[in-house]
Protein backbone atom coordinates (compact mmCIF):
# COMPACT_ATOMS: atom_id res chain seq x y z
CA MET A 1 -0.01 -0.05 -0.01
CA PRO A 2 1.41 3.41 -0.87
CA TRP A 3 2.39 5.72 1.96
CA TRP A 4 -0.21 8.28 1.33
CA GLN A 5 -2.92 5.52 1.55
CA ARG A 6 -1.44 4.34 4.93
CA LEU A 7 -1.39 7.94 6.12
CA LYS A 8 -4.98 8.47 5.12
CA GLN A 9 -5.98 5.27 6.96
CA GLY A 10 -3.84 6.37 9.96
CA LEU A 11 -5.62 9.71 10.11
CA LYS A 12 -9.12 8.11 9.68
CA LYS A 13 -10.22 8.92 13.20
CA THR A 14 -9.48 12.60 12.59
CA SER A 15 -10.96 12.73 9.11
CA ASP A 16 -14.12 10.80 10.25
CA GLN A 17 -14.67 13.30 12.89
CA VAL A 18 -14.23 16.22 10.57
CA GLY A 19 -15.99 14.67 7.58
CA GLY A 20 -18.90 13.24 9.43
CA GLN A 21 -19.84 16.39 11.17
CA LEU A 22 -19.02 18.52 8.08
CA LYS A 23 -21.62 16.65 6.03
CA GLN A 24 -24.31 17.39 8.57
CA LEU A 25 -23.28 21.02 8.96
CA ILE A 26 -23.41 22.05 5.34
CA ALA A 27 -26.50 20.11 4.19
CA GLY A 28 -28.46 22.70 2.12
CA ARG A 29 -26.80 25.73 3.72
CA LYS A 30 -25.03 28.75 2.27
CA LEU A 31 -21.66 29.64 3.88
CA ASP A 32 -22.90 32.26 6.23
CA GLN A 33 -21.55 33.47 9.54
CA LYS A 34 -23.47 30.82 11.56
CA LEU A 35 -22.02 28.03 9.37
CA LEU A 36 -18.60 29.60 9.70
CA ASP A 37 -18.95 29.51 13.51
CA ASP A 38 -19.86 25.82 13.37
CA LEU A 39 -16.88 25.03 11.14
CA GLU A 40 -14.52 26.86 13.42
CA ASP A 41 -15.81 24.94 16.44
CA LEU A 42 -15.35 21.65 14.47
CA LEU A 43 -11.73 22.46 13.64
CA ILE A 44 -10.98 23.41 17.20
CA GLN A 45 -12.16 19.96 18.31
CA THR A 46 -9.28 18.48 16.29
CA ASP A 47 -6.78 20.40 18.40
CA ILE A 48 -5.82 22.53 15.45
CA SER A 49 -5.67 25.64 17.79
CA VAL A 50 -7.98 28.59 17.99
CA PRO A 51 -5.78 31.02 16.05
CA ILE A 52 -5.51 28.56 13.08
CA ALA A 53 -9.19 27.75 13.17
CA GLN A 54 -9.98 31.40 12.95
CA GLU A 55 -7.39 31.80 10.13
CA LEU A 56 -9.07 29.00 8.13
CA ARG A 57 -12.45 30.47 8.83
CA GLN A 58 -11.24 33.80 7.27
CA SER A 59 -9.94 31.96 4.20
CA LEU A 60 -13.28 30.29 3.71
CA ALA A 61 -15.22 33.50 4.09
CA LYS A 62 -12.99 35.39 1.67
CA GLN A 63 -13.49 32.82 -1.05
CA ARG A 64 -17.13 31.66 -0.61
CA LEU A 65 -19.11 33.83 1.87
CA ASP A 66 -22.89 33.79 1.16
CA GLN A 67 -22.46 31.21 -1.60
CA ASN A 68 -23.59 27.68 -1.80
CA ILE A 69 -20.70 25.37 -1.14
CA THR A 70 -20.22 21.61 -1.26
CA GLU A 71 -18.54 19.37 1.27
CA ASN A 72 -15.62 18.69 -1.19
CA GLU A 73 -15.09 22.40 -1.83
CA ILE A 74 -14.83 23.13 1.86
CA LYS A 75 -12.42 20.24 2.40
CA SER A 76 -10.29 21.20 -0.60
CA ILE A 77 -10.09 24.88 0.49
CA LEU A 78 -9.13 23.95 4.05
CA ALA A 79 -6.61 21.36 2.86
CA THR A 80 -4.97 23.92 0.62
CA GLU A 81 -4.65 26.35 3.56
CA ILE A 82 -3.30 23.72 5.91
CA GLU A 83 -0.79 22.61 3.30
CA LYS A 84 0.49 26.21 3.11
CA ILE A 85 1.03 26.20 6.91
CA LEU A 86 2.83 22.84 6.86
CA GLU A 87 5.01 23.14 3.77
CA PRO A 88 7.74 25.29 5.34
CA VAL A 89 8.37 22.63 8.11
CA ALA A 90 8.14 19.52 5.97
CA LYS A 91 11.82 18.65 5.89
CA PRO A 92 13.59 15.20 5.77
CA LEU A 93 15.89 14.19 8.48
CA PRO A 94 19.27 15.46 7.02
CA LEU A 95 21.48 12.44 7.60
CA SER A 96 23.88 10.87 5.16
CA LYS A 97 27.31 9.24 5.33
CA SER A 98 29.93 11.86 6.32
CA ASP A 99 33.51 11.99 7.63
CA GLU A 100 32.23 12.71 11.15
CA MET A 101 30.09 10.34 13.13
CA GLN A 102 26.59 11.85 13.59
CA VAL A 103 25.14 11.82 17.15
CA ILE A 104 21.32 11.74 17.33
CA LEU A 105 19.69 12.55 20.70
CA VAL A 106 16.08 11.30 20.98
CA VAL A 107 14.05 12.88 23.70
CA GLY A 108 10.39 12.90 24.91
CA VAL A 109 8.19 11.91 27.83
CA ASN A 110 7.33 8.26 28.70
CA GLY A 111 5.07 6.44 26.38
CA THR A 112 5.48 8.57 23.22
CA GLY A 113 7.14 5.70 21.32
CA LYS A 114 10.73 6.85 21.40
CA THR A 115 12.39 3.41 21.40
CA THR A 116 10.09 2.05 18.72
CA THR A 117 10.77 5.16 16.68
CA ILE A 118 14.48 4.68 17.15
CA SER A 119 14.15 1.08 15.87
CA LYS A 120 12.36 2.32 12.76
CA LEU A 121 14.88 5.07 12.07
CA THR A 122 17.69 2.49 12.49
CA HIS A 123 16.15 0.21 10.09
CA GLN A 124 15.88 3.03 7.43
CA TRP A 125 19.53 4.10 8.14
CA GLN A 126 20.75 0.62 7.66
CA ALA A 127 18.90 0.56 4.30
CA GLN A 128 21.03 3.51 3.27
CA GLY A 129 24.21 1.58 4.12
CA LEU A 130 24.93 3.42 7.35
CA LYS A 131 26.60 1.82 10.39
CA VAL A 132 24.38 2.48 13.44
CA ALA A 133 24.91 2.09 17.19
CA LEU A 134 22.38 2.67 19.95
CA ALA A 135 22.92 3.92 23.52
CA ALA A 136 20.38 2.95 26.09
CA CYS A 137 20.52 5.97 28.37
CA ASP A 138 17.18 5.46 29.96
CA THR A 139 19.14 3.89 32.88
CA PHE A 140 16.31 4.25 35.38
CA ARG A 141 14.16 1.59 33.81
CA ALA A 142 15.50 -1.88 33.14
CA ALA A 143 12.57 -2.60 30.80
CA ALA A 144 13.49 0.35 28.61
CA VAL A 145 17.06 -0.90 28.29
CA ASP A 146 15.84 -4.48 27.54
CA GLN A 147 13.50 -3.17 24.96
CA LEU A 148 16.23 -1.42 23.12
CA LYS A 149 18.58 -4.41 23.42
CA ILE A 150 15.81 -6.62 21.85
CA TRP A 151 15.58 -4.22 18.89
CA GLY A 152 19.38 -4.12 18.59
CA GLU A 153 19.49 -7.86 18.36
CA ARG A 154 16.74 -7.90 15.73
CA LEU A 155 18.47 -5.22 13.69
CA GLY A 156 21.95 -6.55 14.25
CA VAL A 157 23.29 -3.25 15.71
CA PRO A 158 25.33 -2.78 18.83
CA VAL A 159 23.54 -1.40 21.90
CA TYR A 160 25.72 0.24 24.57
CA THR A 161 24.33 -0.15 28.13
CA THR A 162 25.25 0.10 31.72
CA THR A 163 23.77 -1.10 35.05
CA THR A 164 20.21 0.00 36.10
CA GLY A 165 20.38 3.31 38.00
CA ALA A 166 23.84 4.24 36.71
CA ASP A 167 24.66 7.75 35.51
CA ALA A 168 23.07 8.32 32.10
CA ALA A 169 25.53 10.95 31.16
CA GLY A 170 28.42 8.70 31.90
CA LEU A 171 26.99 6.08 29.58
CA ALA A 172 26.44 8.70 26.90
CA PHE A 173 30.12 9.75 27.16
CA ASP A 174 31.40 6.15 27.02
CA ALA A 175 28.99 5.26 24.21
CA THR A 176 30.19 8.25 22.07
CA ASN A 177 33.82 7.15 22.57
CA LYS A 178 33.01 3.54 21.79
CA ALA A 179 31.01 4.31 18.63
CA LEU A 180 33.83 6.37 17.36
CA THR A 181 36.29 3.51 17.99
CA ASP A 182 33.87 1.02 16.30
CA GLY A 183 33.74 3.21 13.26
CA MET A 184 30.01 3.96 13.39
CA ASP A 185 28.30 6.48 11.14
CA ILE A 186 25.51 7.15 13.60
CA LEU A 187 25.09 6.94 17.34
CA CYS A 188 21.49 7.22 18.41
CA ILE A 189 20.98 7.98 22.14
CA ASP A 190 17.74 6.91 23.79
CA THR A 191 17.02 9.03 26.80
CA ALA A 192 14.74 8.48 29.86
CA GLY A 193 11.11 9.59 29.52
CA ARG A 194 11.66 12.85 31.16
CA LEU A 195 8.60 14.64 32.41
CA HIS A 196 8.84 18.13 31.11
CA ASN A 197 7.98 19.67 34.53
CA LYS A 198 10.64 17.71 36.43
CA GLU A 199 13.66 20.04 36.85
CA GLY A 200 16.08 17.30 38.00
CA LEU A 201 15.53 15.09 34.99
CA MET A 202 15.87 18.00 32.69
CA ASN A 203 19.11 18.95 34.28
CA GLU A 204 20.41 15.44 33.58
CA LEU A 205 19.52 15.91 29.91
CA LYS A 206 21.73 19.07 29.87
CA LYS A 207 24.54 16.96 31.44
CA ILE A 208 24.21 14.42 28.63
CA VAL A 209 24.58 17.12 26.06
CA ARG A 210 27.63 18.55 27.89
CA VAL A 211 29.50 15.34 28.11
CA ILE A 212 29.01 14.23 24.53
CA GLN A 213 30.25 17.63 23.40
CA LYS A 214 33.50 16.85 25.18
CA VAL A 215 34.06 14.07 22.61
CA ILE A 216 32.44 15.72 19.58
CA PRO A 217 32.02 19.49 19.99
CA LYS A 218 29.28 19.72 17.40
CA ALA A 219 27.20 16.98 18.99
CA PRO A 220 24.39 16.25 19.11
CA HIS A 221 23.92 16.82 15.41
CA GLN A 222 20.19 16.25 15.70
CA THR A 223 17.97 16.49 18.82
CA ILE A 224 14.61 14.92 17.99
CA LEU A 225 11.60 15.22 20.12
CA VAL A 226 9.13 12.34 19.68
CA LEU A 227 5.53 13.36 20.36
CA ASP A 228 2.53 11.24 20.93
CA ALA A 229 -0.42 12.67 18.94
CA THR A 230 -2.92 11.35 21.53
CA THR A 231 -1.53 13.79 24.15
CA GLY A 232 -3.24 16.72 22.32
CA GLN A 233 -2.67 20.18 23.72
CA ASN A 234 -0.05 18.99 26.21
CA ALA A 235 2.35 18.63 23.17
CA TYR A 236 2.73 22.41 23.21
CA GLN A 237 4.21 22.34 26.69
CA GLN A 238 6.48 19.51 25.83
CA VAL A 239 7.91 21.25 22.82
CA THR A 240 8.44 24.42 24.79
CA ALA A 241 10.25 22.71 27.59
CA PHE A 242 12.50 20.37 25.50
CA GLN A 243 13.32 23.24 23.13
CA GLU A 244 14.63 25.35 26.10
CA ILE A 245 16.68 22.55 27.56
CA ALA A 246 17.93 20.61 24.60
CA GLY A 247 17.71 22.92 21.57
CA LEU A 248 15.47 20.80 19.38
CA THR A 249 16.30 20.40 15.68
CA GLY A 250 13.04 18.74 14.72
CA LEU A 251 9.93 16.68 15.67
CA ILE A 252 8.58 13.20 14.97
CA MET A 253 4.99 12.55 15.76
CA THR A 254 3.66 9.05 16.50
CA LYS A 255 0.30 7.40 17.06
CA LEU A 256 -1.58 9.62 14.72
CA ASP A 257 -3.73 6.49 14.08
CA GLY A 258 -4.89 6.51 17.74
CA THR A 259 -6.52 9.95 17.98
CA ALA A 260 -9.22 12.07 16.42
CA ARG A 261 -7.19 15.16 17.30
CA GLY A 262 -4.57 15.01 14.54
CA GLY A 263 -4.89 18.82 14.13
CA VAL A 264 -2.40 19.35 16.92
CA LEU A 265 0.38 18.83 14.37
CA VAL A 266 -0.79 21.86 12.37
CA GLY A 267 -0.81 24.06 15.55
CA LEU A 268 2.78 22.95 16.47
CA ALA A 269 3.96 23.66 12.99
CA LYS A 270 2.52 27.15 13.01
CA GLN A 271 3.72 28.08 16.63
CA PHE A 272 7.24 26.59 16.71
CA GLN A 273 8.32 26.43 13.05
CA LEU A 274 10.44 23.41 13.86
CA PRO A 275 11.05 20.85 11.10
CA ILE A 276 8.73 17.83 11.18
CA TYR A 277 10.81 15.02 10.08
CA ALA A 278 8.48 12.01 10.06
CA LEU A 279 5.08 10.71 11.09
CA GLY A 280 4.26 7.36 12.58
CA VAL A 281 0.85 5.66 11.93
CA GLY A 282 1.50 2.05 12.95
CA GLU A 283 3.97 -0.42 14.38
CA GLY A 284 5.88 -1.60 11.23
CA PRO A 285 9.10 -0.12 9.97
CA GLU A 286 7.27 1.13 6.86
CA ASP A 287 4.79 3.01 9.10
CA LEU A 288 7.36 5.74 9.88
CA GLN A 289 7.78 7.91 6.84
CA PRO A 290 9.08 11.45 5.97
CA PHE A 291 6.49 14.14 6.58
CA MET A 292 4.79 15.39 3.36
CA ALA A 293 2.59 18.50 3.78
CA ARG A 294 0.22 17.83 0.93
CA ASP A 295 -0.31 14.17 1.83
CA PHE A 296 -1.05 15.09 5.50
CA ALA A 297 -3.46 17.93 4.49
CA ASN A 298 -5.40 15.67 2.14
CA SER A 299 -5.48 12.75 4.67
CA PHE A 300 -6.72 15.17 7.45
CA PHE A 301 -9.88 15.63 5.52
CA GLY A 302 -10.04 12.09 4.07
CA LEU A 303 -9.41 13.23 0.57
CA ASP A 304 -7.84 11.06 -2.07
CA LYS A 305 -5.41 12.84 -4.39
CA GLU A 306 -7.83 13.00 -7.21
CA GLU A 307 -10.69 14.27 -4.98
CA ARG A 308 -8.98 17.47 -3.99
CA MET A 309 -10.18 20.40 -6.09
CA ASP A 310 -7.73 23.04 -7.38
CA VAL A 311 -8.71 26.10 -5.30
CA ARG A 312 -5.41 28.00 -5.35
């Protein structure tokens, strides 16, 4: 199945919520102020953020106010406007073979799918011919270390570990040196699920960054925040906190298939302007793919490529 079809299926909960209510809202109505109010409320329900919902409302009013309008026309207009918001942040993860080993720091709160995302990225990097090592720096949870070790065995990549409860920064330092010695192209560091409001855990993340920079001054080359789409509005606080502490280079959003509030991604893109590297809509390696603004905008409204009208 092509990726855009998997993405459309993954966003089905969101598109069903939008599409189902949209059909009822517009039946036999002109696009008047009351309908615009209803449409704005519907968009807000997807966690798209109030300012963006208002912006989309204005675009609709400008193009079709007091005119008859079809469901497909509304979806097409809104998809076009959302694509415009997303296009500037739709950027692939910039990794390729280079003379210097690349250090990738993956951060995020517990349960976002960090470890699974790391395994999918590793699989993709291997397909590019890159030598990858993993560092299990979630030293507080033996289960997290074991999970990464299992993925390492499946993928045939080394996983650097230490004893449960040991200093995570110390492991990060040792792992960076070991990966260099082993001739790796990429070292991907899995961190603990740090709650964004826990100052002690955030300070430890700062320490990890400091120690790996003693080995490679430009490291980490990428600091990726993995977000769970089902957390909704809480994602804004997570991005704010991790950006302040770790200097994020980009986002990956997972579990879009588990929520009807996929609009949160649009709000994040508008507010933070951070690159969105990839989306996850399932468990398989093929279910994490580079973020494409047009495919997301279409899938958000359940539109096939040929269904979207040209309203530019």
